[in-house]
Amino acid sequence: MRNPARPFGDASCDSVANSIDAALVLQYDAGLIDSLECQPSADVNGDGRVNSIDSALILQYSAGLLHALPA
């Protein structure tokens, strides 16, 4: 279950959603790492999976193309 104190997209538990979180999500999706510190917060589209779609949304948010997560 997601911690409401954590922003959506914050996979690293540092209280911000940025490109580092997107990279961690991609590594998790590719099987390069086994887990994420704040895995529930990484599921930004709410489909119950943490994957490259979530990473793309986090990157778009980080770049200012999205004004909020979840998109």
PDB file of N, CA and C in Angstrom:
ATOM      1  N   MET A   1       0.830  -1.174   0.000  1.00  0.00           N
ATOM      2  CA  MET A   1       0.000   0.000   0.000  1.00  0.00           C
ATOM      3  C   MET A   1       0.882   1.247   0.000  1.00  0.00           C
ATOM      4  N   ARG A   2       0.491   2.239  -0.776  1.00  0.00           N
ATOM      5  CA  ARG A   2       1.267   3.466  -0.919  1.00  0.00           C
ATOM      6  C   ARG A   2       1.148   4.327   0.330  1.00  0.00           C
ATOM      7  N   ASN A   3       2.271   4.904   0.745  1.00  0.00           N
ATOM      8  CA  ASN A   3       2.304   5.837   1.858  1.00  0.00           C
ATOM      9  C   ASN A   3       1.886   7.203   1.338  1.00  0.00           C
ATOM     10  N   PRO A   4       0.768   7.765   1.820  1.00  0.00           N
ATOM     11  CA  PRO A   4       0.309   9.054   1.296  1.00  0.00           C
ATOM     12  C   PRO A   4       1.272  10.206   1.562  1.00  0.00           C
ATOM     13  N   ALA A   5       2.206  10.035   2.498  1.00  0.00           N
ATOM     14  CA  ALA A   5       3.201  11.071   2.761  1.00  0.00           C
ATOM     15  C   ALA A   5       4.264  11.121   1.668  1.00  0.00           C
ATOM     16  N   ARG A   6       4.391  10.064   0.896  1.00  0.00           N
ATOM     17  CA  ARG A   6       5.362  10.002  -0.196  1.00  0.00           C
ATOM     18  C   ARG A   6       4.696  10.497  -1.483  1.00  0.00           C
ATOM     19  N   PRO A   7       5.383  11.330  -2.237  1.00  0.00           N
ATOM     20  CA  PRO A   7       4.810  11.746  -3.513  1.00  0.00           C
ATOM     21  C   PRO A   7       4.791  10.596  -4.517  1.00  0.00           C
ATOM     22  N   PHE A   8       3.798  10.607  -5.388  1.00  0.00           N
ATOM     23  CA  PHE A   8       3.782   9.626  -6.471  1.00  0.00           C
ATOM     24  C   PHE A   8       5.079   9.751  -7.252  1.00  0.00           C
ATOM     25  N   GLY A   9       5.638   8.618  -7.638  1.00  0.00           N
ATOM     26  CA  GLY A   9       6.859   8.597  -8.431  1.00  0.00           C
ATOM     27  C   GLY A   9       8.131   8.526  -7.619  1.00  0.00           C
ATOM     28  N   ASP A  10       8.030   8.652  -6.301  1.00  0.00           N
ATOM     29  CA  ASP A  10       9.215   8.639  -5.444  1.00  0.00           C
ATOM     30  C   ASP A  10       9.610   7.199  -5.126  1.00  0.00           C
ATOM     31  N   ALA A  11      10.325   6.576  -6.028  1.00  0.00           N
ATOM     32  CA  ALA A  11      10.746   5.180  -5.861  1.00  0.00           C
ATOM     33  C   ALA A  11      11.923   5.045  -4.905  1.00  0.00           C
ATOM     34  N   SER A  12      12.665   6.125  -4.697  1.00  0.00           N
ATOM     35  CA  SER A  12      13.882   6.075  -3.879  1.00  0.00           C
ATOM     36  C   SER A  12      13.677   6.557  -2.444  1.00  0.00           C
ATOM     37  N   CYS A  13      12.489   6.981  -2.097  1.00  0.00           N
ATOM     38  CA  CYS A  13      12.168   7.470  -0.738  1.00  0.00           C
ATOM     39  C   CYS A  13      12.944   8.721  -0.342  1.00  0.00           C
ATOM     40  N   ASP A  14      13.259   9.590  -1.304  1.00  0.00           N
ATOM     41  CA  ASP A  14      13.943  10.836  -0.961  1.00  0.00           C
ATOM     42  C   ASP A  14      12.992  12.035  -0.993  1.00  0.00           C
ATOM     43  N   SER A  15      11.697  11.766  -1.084  1.00  0.00           N
ATOM     44  CA  SER A  15      10.626  12.773  -1.036  1.00  0.00           C
ATOM     45  C   SER A  15      10.484  13.633  -2.284  1.00  0.00           C
ATOM     46  N   VAL A  16      11.126  13.240  -3.378  1.00  0.00           N
ATOM     47  CA  VAL A  16      10.930  13.911  -4.663  1.00  0.00           C
ATOM     48  C   VAL A  16      10.815  12.852  -5.759  1.00  0.00           C
ATOM     49  N   ALA A  17      10.101  13.186  -6.803  1.00  0.00           N
ATOM     50  CA  ALA A  17      10.015  12.316  -7.981  1.00  0.00           C
ATOM     51  C   ALA A  17      10.843  12.964  -9.080  1.00  0.00           C
ATOM     52  N   ASN A  18      11.894  12.279  -9.510  1.00  0.00           N
ATOM     53  CA  ASN A  18      12.776  12.846 -10.522  1.00  0.00           C
ATOM     54  C   ASN A  18      13.345  11.746 -11.413  1.00  0.00           C
ATOM     55  N   SER A  19      14.310  12.118 -12.240  1.00  0.00           N
ATOM     56  CA  SER A  19      14.864  11.173 -13.207  1.00  0.00           C
ATOM     57  C   SER A  19      15.567   9.996 -12.539  1.00  0.00           C
ATOM     58  N   ILE A  20      16.062  10.182 -11.332  1.00  0.00           N
ATOM     59  CA  ILE A  20      16.680   9.069 -10.605  1.00  0.00           C
ATOM     60  C   ILE A  20      15.636   7.996 -10.321  1.00  0.00           C
ATOM     61  N   ASP A  21      14.455   8.422  -9.927  1.00  0.00           N
ATOM     62  CA  ASP A  21      13.369   7.469  -9.679  1.00  0.00           C
ATOM     63  C   ASP A  21      12.978   6.742 -10.964  1.00  0.00           C
ATOM     64  N   ALA A  22      12.931   7.473 -12.071  1.00  0.00           N
ATOM     65  CA  ALA A  22      12.605   6.852 -13.356  1.00  0.00           C
ATOM     66  C   ALA A  22      13.641   5.794 -13.720  1.00  0.00           C
ATOM     67  N   ALA A  23      14.918   6.099 -13.494  1.00  0.00           N
ATOM     68  CA  ALA A  23      15.973   5.132 -13.790  1.00  0.00           C
ATOM     69  C   ALA A  23      15.857   3.897 -12.900  1.00  0.00           C
ATOM     70  N   LEU A  24      15.535   4.100 -11.624  1.00  0.00           N
ATOM     71  CA  LEU A  24      15.359   2.968 -10.716  1.00  0.00           C
ATOM     72  C   LEU A  24      14.192   2.086 -11.149  1.00  0.00           C
ATOM     73  N   VAL A  25      13.114   2.707 -11.587  1.00  0.00           N
ATOM     74  CA  VAL A  25      11.951   1.947 -12.059  1.00  0.00           C
ATOM     75  C   VAL A  25      12.331   1.111 -13.279  1.00  0.00           C
ATOM     76  N   LEU A  26      13.086   1.689 -14.196  1.00  0.00           N
ATOM     77  CA  LEU A  26      13.527   0.926 -15.374  1.00  0.00           C
ATOM     78  C   LEU A  26      14.427  -0.241 -14.977  1.00  0.00           C
ATOM     79  N   GLN A  27      15.321  -0.020 -14.035  1.00  0.00           N
ATOM     80  CA  GLN A  27      16.192  -1.100 -13.569  1.00  0.00           C
ATOM     81  C   GLN A  27      15.379  -2.206 -12.917  1.00  0.00           C
ATOM     82  N   TYR A  28      14.376  -1.829 -12.149  1.00  0.00           N
ATOM     83  CA  TYR A  28      13.491  -2.810 -11.511  1.00  0.00           C
ATOM     84  C   TYR A  28      12.716  -3.599 -12.569  1.00  0.00           C
ATOM     85  N   ASP A  29      12.170  -2.888 -13.545  1.00  0.00           N
ATOM     86  CA  ASP A  29      11.398  -3.529 -14.614  1.00  0.00           C
ATOM     87  C   ASP A  29      12.258  -4.494 -15.427  1.00  0.00           C
ATOM     88  N   ALA A  30      13.524  -4.164 -15.607  1.00  0.00           N
ATOM     89  CA  ALA A  30      14.433  -5.012 -16.376  1.00  0.00           C
ATOM     90  C   ALA A  30      15.005  -6.162 -15.548  1.00  0.00           C
ATOM     91  N   GLY A  31      14.708  -6.183 -14.246  1.00  0.00           N
ATOM     92  CA  GLY A  31      15.209  -7.249 -13.391  1.00  0.00           C
ATOM     93  C   GLY A  31      16.629  -7.035 -12.905  1.00  0.00           C
ATOM     94  N   LEU A  32      17.147  -5.820 -13.047  1.00  0.00           N
ATOM     95  CA  LEU A  32      18.511  -5.532 -12.615  1.00  0.00           C
ATOM     96  C   LEU A  32      18.593  -5.301 -11.105  1.00  0.00           C
ATOM     97  N   ILE A  33      17.488  -4.870 -10.509  1.00  0.00           N
ATOM     98  CA  ILE A  33      17.387  -4.762  -9.058  1.00  0.00           C
ATOM     99  C   ILE A  33      16.121  -5.492  -8.622  1.00  0.00           C
ATOM    100  N   ASP A  34      16.135  -6.015  -7.398  1.00  0.00           N
ATOM    101  CA  ASP A  34      15.042  -6.858  -6.925  1.00  0.00           C
ATOM    102  C   ASP A  34      13.863  -6.103  -6.337  1.00  0.00           C
ATOM    103  N   SER A  35      14.109  -4.916  -5.821  1.00  0.00           N
ATOM    104  CA  SER A  35      13.029  -4.162  -5.193  1.00  0.00           C
ATOM    105  C   SER A  35      13.357  -2.677  -5.197  1.00  0.00           C
ATOM    106  N   LEU A  36      12.343  -1.890  -4.869  1.00  0.00           N
ATOM    107  CA  LEU A  36      12.492  -0.445  -4.745  1.00  0.00           C
ATOM    108  C   LEU A  36      12.164  -0.066  -3.310  1.00  0.00           C
ATOM    109  N   GLU A  37      12.872   0.912  -2.772  1.00  0.00           N
ATOM    110  CA  GLU A  37      12.623   1.325  -1.394  1.00  0.00           C
ATOM    111  C   GLU A  37      11.169   1.735  -1.184  1.00  0.00           C
ATOM    112  N   CYS A  38      10.624   2.488  -2.091  1.00  0.00           N
ATOM    113  CA  CYS A  38       9.237   2.962  -1.999  1.00  0.00           C
ATOM    114  C   CYS A  38       8.445   2.462  -3.207  1.00  0.00           C
ATOM    115  N   GLN A  39       8.432   1.171  -3.372  1.00  0.00           N
ATOM    116  CA  GLN A  39       7.804   0.569  -4.540  1.00  0.00           C
ATOM    117  C   GLN A  39       6.344   0.987  -4.748  1.00  0.00           C
ATOM    118  N   PRO A  40       5.503   1.045  -3.720  1.00  0.00           N
ATOM    119  CA  PRO A  40       4.111   1.449  -3.971  1.00  0.00           C
ATOM    120  C   PRO A  40       3.988   2.849  -4.575  1.00  0.00           C
ATOM    121  N   SER A  41       4.887   3.758  -4.219  1.00  0.00           N
ATOM    122  CA  SER A  41       4.844   5.111  -4.775  1.00  0.00           C
ATOM    123  C   SER A  41       5.284   5.147  -6.235  1.00  0.00           C
ATOM    124  N   ALA A  42       5.982   4.115  -6.673  1.00  0.00           N
ATOM    125  CA  ALA A  42       6.487   4.076  -8.048  1.00  0.00           C
ATOM    126  C   ALA A  42       5.404   3.716  -9.062  1.00  0.00           C
ATOM    127  N   ASP A  43       4.306   3.149  -8.610  1.00  0.00           N
ATOM    128  CA  ASP A  43       3.198   2.780  -9.514  1.00  0.00           C
ATOM    129  C   ASP A  43       2.318   3.999  -9.759  1.00  0.00           C
ATOM    130  N   VAL A  44       2.803   4.914 -10.600  1.00  0.00           N
ATOM    131  CA  VAL A  44       2.113   6.193 -10.765  1.00  0.00           C
ATOM    132  C   VAL A  44       0.834   6.108 -11.589  1.00  0.00           C
ATOM    133  N   ASN A  45       0.698   5.119 -12.449  1.00  0.00           N
ATOM    134  CA  ASN A  45      -0.546   5.023 -13.225  1.00  0.00           C
ATOM    135  C   ASN A  45      -1.576   4.121 -12.556  1.00  0.00           C
ATOM    136  N   GLY A  46      -1.233   3.544 -11.414  1.00  0.00           N
ATOM    137  CA  GLY A  46      -2.188   2.802 -10.611  1.00  0.00           C
ATOM    138  C   GLY A  46      -2.675   1.496 -11.185  1.00  0.00           C
ATOM    139  N   ASP A  47      -1.882   0.859 -12.040  1.00  0.00           N
ATOM    140  CA  ASP A  47      -2.319  -0.407 -12.630  1.00  0.00           C
ATOM    141  C   ASP A  47      -1.838  -1.630 -11.853  1.00  0.00           C
ATOM    142  N   GLY A  48      -1.201  -1.393 -10.694  1.00  0.00           N
ATOM    143  CA  GLY A  48      -0.728  -2.496  -9.872  1.00  0.00           C
ATOM    144  C   GLY A  48       0.621  -3.058 -10.276  1.00  0.00           C
ATOM    145  N   ARG A  49       1.249  -2.459 -11.279  1.00  0.00           N
ATOM    146  CA  ARG A  49       2.575  -2.899 -11.729  1.00  0.00           C
ATOM    147  C   ARG A  49       3.512  -1.700 -11.749  1.00  0.00           C
ATOM    148  N   VAL A  50       4.778  -1.967 -11.559  1.00  0.00           N
ATOM    149  CA  VAL A  50       5.799  -0.921 -11.680  1.00  0.00           C
ATOM    150  C   VAL A  50       6.632  -1.275 -12.895  1.00  0.00           C
ATOM    151  N   ASN A  51       6.519  -0.447 -13.947  1.00  0.00           N
ATOM    152  CA  ASN A  51       7.185  -0.779 -15.204  1.00  0.00           C
ATOM    153  C   ASN A  51       7.587   0.482 -15.966  1.00  0.00           C
ATOM    154  N   SER A  52       7.970   0.287 -17.211  1.00  0.00           N
ATOM    155  CA  SER A  52       8.488   1.388 -18.026  1.00  0.00           C
ATOM    156  C   SER A  52       7.450   2.481 -18.271  1.00  0.00           C
ATOM    157  N   ILE A  53       6.187   2.166 -18.204  1.00  0.00           N
ATOM    158  CA  ILE A  53       5.150   3.194 -18.355  1.00  0.00           C
ATOM    159  C   ILE A  53       5.241   4.171 -17.181  1.00  0.00           C
ATOM    160  N   ASP A  54       5.398   3.625 -15.981  1.00  0.00           N
ATOM    161  CA  ASP A  54       5.562   4.481 -14.811  1.00  0.00           C
ATOM    162  C   ASP A  54       6.822   5.324 -14.941  1.00  0.00           C
ATOM    163  N   SER A  55       7.901   4.726 -15.418  1.00  0.00           N
ATOM    164  CA  SER A  55       9.142   5.459 -15.615  1.00  0.00           C
ATOM    165  C   SER A  55       8.950   6.621 -16.586  1.00  0.00           C
ATOM    166  N   ALA A  56       8.267   6.376 -17.683  1.00  0.00           N
ATOM    167  CA  ALA A  56       8.024   7.432 -18.669  1.00  0.00           C
ATOM    168  C   ALA A  56       7.202   8.570 -18.063  1.00  0.00           C
ATOM    169  N   LEU A  57       6.210   8.233 -17.257  1.00  0.00           N
ATOM    170  CA  LEU A  57       5.397   9.265 -16.614  1.00  0.00           C
ATOM    171  C   LEU A  57       6.229  10.080 -15.612  1.00  0.00           C
ATOM    172  N   ILE A  58       7.085   9.401 -14.870  1.00  0.00           N
ATOM    173  CA  ILE A  58       7.952  10.104 -13.916  1.00  0.00           C
ATOM    174  C   ILE A  58       8.899  11.050 -14.659  1.00  0.00           C
ATOM    175  N   LEU A  59       9.456  10.596 -15.781  1.00  0.00           N
ATOM    176  CA  LEU A  59      10.344  11.459 -16.572  1.00  0.00           C
ATOM    177  C   LEU A  59       9.601  12.666 -17.133  1.00  0.00           C
ATOM    178  N   GLN A  60       8.394  12.447 -17.618  1.00  0.00           N
ATOM    179  CA  GLN A  60       7.603  13.566 -18.137  1.00  0.00           C
ATOM    180  C   GLN A  60       7.298  14.578 -17.040  1.00  0.00           C
ATOM    181  N   TYR A  61       6.994  14.079 -15.855  1.00  0.00           N
ATOM    182  CA  TYR A  61       6.756  14.970 -14.714  1.00  0.00           C
ATOM    183  C   TYR A  61       8.031  15.733 -14.353  1.00  0.00           C
ATOM    184  N   SER A  62       9.138  15.026 -14.310  1.00  0.00           N
ATOM    185  CA  SER A  62      10.419  15.629 -13.969  1.00  0.00           C
ATOM    186  C   SER A  62      10.807  16.725 -14.972  1.00  0.00           C
ATOM    187  N   ALA A  63      10.460  16.529 -16.229  1.00  0.00           N
ATOM    188  CA  ALA A  63      10.774  17.496 -17.282  1.00  0.00           C
ATOM    189  C   ALA A  63       9.773  18.651 -17.355  1.00  0.00           C
ATOM    190  N   GLY A  64       8.727  18.590 -16.547  1.00  0.00           N
ATOM    191  CA  GLY A  64       7.726  19.641 -16.558  1.00  0.00           C
ATOM    192  C   GLY A  64       6.638  19.466 -17.596  1.00  0.00           C
ATOM    193  N   LEU A  65       6.609  18.330 -18.259  1.00  0.00           N
ATOM    194  CA  LEU A  65       5.580  18.082 -19.272  1.00  0.00           C
ATOM    195  C   LEU A  65       4.252  17.666 -18.647  1.00  0.00           C
ATOM    196  N   LEU A  66       4.298  17.111 -17.449  1.00  0.00           N
ATOM    197  CA  LEU A  66       3.110  16.808 -16.670  1.00  0.00           C
ATOM    198  C   LEU A  66       3.162  17.666 -15.416  1.00  0.00           C
ATOM    199  N   HIS A  67       2.032  18.184 -15.007  1.00  0.00           N
ATOM    200  CA  HIS A  67       1.999  19.063 -13.838  1.00  0.00           C
ATOM    201  C   HIS A  67       1.771  18.317 -12.535  1.00  0.00           C
ATOM    202  N   ALA A  68       1.342  17.057 -12.629  1.00  0.00           N
ATOM    203  CA  ALA A  68       1.088  16.262 -11.423  1.00  0.00           C
ATOM    204  C   ALA A  68       1.132  14.786 -11.749  1.00  0.00           C
ATOM    205  N   LEU A  69       1.411  14.000 -10.730  1.00  0.00           N
ATOM    206  CA  LEU A  69       1.303  12.549 -10.814  1.00  0.00           C
ATOM    207  C   LEU A  69       0.283  12.115  -9.775  1.00  0.00           C
ATOM    208  N   PRO A  70      -0.580  11.182 -10.014  1.00  0.00           N
ATOM    209  CA  PRO A  70      -0.692  10.432 -11.256  1.00  0.00           C
ATOM    210  C   PRO A  70      -1.244  11.298 -12.382  1.00  0.00           C
ATOM    211  N   ALA A  71      -0.818  10.929 -13.563  1.00  0.00           N
ATOM    212  CA  ALA A  71      -1.205  11.705 -14.756  1.00  0.00           C
ATOM    213  C   ALA A  71      -2.616  11.364 -15.167  1.00  0.00           C
TER     214      ALA A  71
END
